[in-house]
Amino acid sequence: MKLPVIKHLTQFIEANDEDYIVETLETLEALSEVPSLKDEELDVIGELISNMYGALEVHKMVKEGTPQKEALNSFMKRVLGSIDS
């Protein structure tokens, strides 16, 4: 996951609508099931998917009143904490 990408996607959601991200996620998840994809291609799709889910999570926190910077930092701490476990 890349924090600058999540931040950019969060701003995209605020400017547009989270439905765009949700529909893109559905498309990428369906695309990831193509059997002829190479591992590198699956890695890229997986990275995009994880960044988009991260952006949706950050957007949810911002909607609940958390400042964006704090929401981004909190999300990344949670992700890093789950990796360390």
Protein backbone atom coordinates (compact mmCIF):
# COMPACT_ATOMS: atom_id res chain seq x y z
CA MET A 1 0.00 0.00 0.00
CA LYS A 2 1.18 3.45 -0.83
CA LEU A 3 0.02 6.36 1.30
CA PRO A 4 0.25 8.96 -1.53
CA VAL A 5 -1.96 6.77 -3.73
CA ILE A 6 -4.50 6.27 -0.94
CA LYS A 7 -4.52 10.02 -0.27
CA HIS A 8 -5.06 10.76 -3.97
CA LEU A 9 -7.87 8.22 -4.22
CA THR A 10 -9.48 9.65 -1.09
CA GLN A 11 -9.46 13.09 -2.70
CA PHE A 12 -10.95 11.55 -5.85
CA ILE A 13 -13.78 10.05 -3.77
CA GLU A 14 -14.45 13.41 -2.14
CA ALA A 15 -14.54 15.19 -5.51
CA ASN A 16 -16.65 12.55 -7.24
CA ASP A 17 -18.28 9.61 -5.52
CA GLU A 18 -17.14 6.41 -3.86
CA ASP A 19 -19.28 4.41 -6.32
CA TYR A 20 -16.57 4.91 -8.94
CA ILE A 21 -14.06 3.17 -6.68
CA VAL A 22 -16.48 0.41 -5.71
CA GLU A 23 -17.27 -0.35 -9.36
CA THR A 24 -13.59 -0.28 -10.27
CA LEU A 25 -12.87 -2.70 -7.42
CA GLU A 26 -15.52 -5.07 -8.74
CA THR A 27 -13.96 -4.89 -12.20
CA LEU A 28 -10.41 -5.47 -10.94
CA GLU A 29 -11.52 -8.36 -8.74
CA ALA A 30 -13.25 -9.99 -11.73
CA LEU A 31 -10.20 -9.34 -13.90
CA SER A 32 -7.91 -10.98 -11.34
CA GLU A 33 -9.66 -14.28 -12.02
CA VAL A 34 -8.37 -14.48 -15.62
CA PRO A 35 -6.26 -17.66 -15.62
CA SER A 36 -3.72 -16.41 -18.16
CA LEU A 37 -2.53 -13.48 -16.03
CA LYS A 38 1.10 -13.55 -15.00
CA ASP A 39 2.16 -13.22 -11.37
CA GLU A 40 3.47 -9.69 -11.98
CA GLU A 41 0.13 -8.63 -13.44
CA LEU A 42 -1.73 -10.11 -10.48
CA ASP A 43 0.62 -8.25 -8.14
CA VAL A 44 -0.23 -4.93 -9.82
CA ILE A 45 -3.96 -5.65 -9.71
CA GLY A 46 -3.65 -6.66 -6.04
CA GLU A 47 -1.79 -3.46 -5.20
CA LEU A 48 -4.47 -1.37 -6.90
CA ILE A 49 -7.21 -3.25 -5.07
CA SER A 50 -5.56 -2.82 -1.67
CA ASN A 51 -4.99 0.91 -2.25
CA MET A 52 -8.62 1.38 -3.27
CA TYR A 53 -9.94 -0.47 -0.22
CA GLY A 54 -7.60 1.65 1.89
CA ALA A 55 -8.98 4.82 0.34
CA LEU A 56 -12.54 3.71 1.06
CA GLU A 57 -11.60 3.04 4.68
CA VAL A 58 -9.91 6.44 5.06
CA HIS A 59 -12.88 8.14 3.39
CA LYS A 60 -15.21 6.44 5.88
CA MET A 61 -13.14 7.76 8.80
CA VAL A 62 -13.15 11.28 7.31
CA LYS A 63 -16.93 11.12 6.89
CA GLU A 64 -17.16 10.20 10.57
CA GLY A 65 -15.27 13.38 11.46
CA THR A 66 -11.62 12.31 11.60
CA PRO A 67 -9.29 14.85 9.94
CA GLN A 68 -7.84 13.42 6.72
CA LYS A 69 -4.22 13.44 7.87
CA GLU A 70 -5.14 11.69 11.10
CA ALA A 71 -7.31 9.16 9.23
CA LEU A 72 -4.45 8.38 6.82
CA ASN A 73 -1.95 7.94 9.64
CA SER A 74 -4.33 5.83 11.70
CA PHE A 75 -5.07 3.59 8.74
CA MET A 76 -1.40 3.06 7.91
CA LYS A 77 -0.56 2.31 11.57
CA ARG A 78 -3.30 -0.30 11.57
CA VAL A 79 -2.00 -1.85 8.36
CA LEU A 80 1.59 -1.89 9.58
CA GLY A 81 0.44 -3.32 12.90
CA SER A 82 -1.32 -6.17 11.16
CA ILE A 83 1.78 -6.90 9.08
CA ASP A 84 4.00 -7.00 12.18
CA SER A 85 1.67 -9.45 13.95
